[in-house]
């Protein structure tokens, strides 16, 4: 049985590995919420199946499904994918699942962040989120990993780490009044260092335009290796994303990582701006417990929202003119990994993409304290 510890990863010598370090496996959740996923979530389920299948070619995948959907998920998913019964309010494993940390002996433990559905009653995306708040603890119980309960409202998509002491995040998200209004930037940074054991935090101002997570960095920028980052970009100065990405480029180009290395920045052009259609909105269930989605709303499409697997990259495609060049760039940046694209508009319609619905478990093993 996993235990809840009263110390911190930093005090115990645990660190957050980079996503490009070896994995034990990957966790996902099964979509079913009708006011997030249109047409009874069937199109989204088809996309999740493709993502799970693509990742399972590289590493073990576990999908958590509710009691009412477990049988459907088990039937639909590849046999190689493990399906377990876990209740949740929605399907964003990156944000509700644990951030798993490791020590130099290969022991794994998990950080369980506070979760309030991206803003609670001040701009949050749905209510309640009580089942989501238990997902991380359940995953750690199944994985047999002890748990740190962090005193910080956070989501896993709001930061990226290089595994060598550097973290990137955005002020738009972490300093939002609807997350931790009682904490200043310096206090939040101290908690990031304590619970992820990083030494340098690079703060970007904003995330992708109209990202309903309040600017998660995993849609904007990520590490591809120590000292190198990938930044979403547009060449169109009339696009509101242009100034956001330009400012991020300026910040990253002037930054050094925890080991004093200047950051090398690779730019990946965003897909052409896209919006949710009236027909797609009509497929959503009506209700008063979730933020409404309106026809014409811009979608926060980004190629940066990919998953790094053991020996592979599973990336979003949008049937867009930039798909091919984006995939070619990832092939160049990850020469030792196979790049697999999945058409992911149905995931995007729910408010995120492939990185948002996945959470890696780094390679390691359980050792009781």
Foldseek 3Di string as FASTA:
>chain_A
DAAEDPFACQVVAWAQAFLQAAFQEKEWEAFQAQQLFFQRNPVVNVQVQVLQVVQLVFHAYEYEYAPVCQVVSCVRHDPSHHYDHADWPGIQCQFLAWRWIAHPQQAIATEGEAEQQLQNPHLHFFPDGVSSSCHHVVVCVVQVHYYYYAPWHTTNLQWGDQRAQEIEGECQRRVDCRTCVVDDPVRVVVSCCRHRVHDYYQYQHAAFPPQSSRHRCLQAKYDLHVQEMEGEAAPDPVDPVHVSRVSVCVSLQPDAGPVRHRHHYHYQYWFDKDWAAPVRLVRGDDDDGGDRHDHPRIFSGGQSNWRNHRQAIETEDAPGPRRVVNQVVVCVSCVRHHYHYGHFVSVRSSRGTDNRRMHTHHGGGHDDD
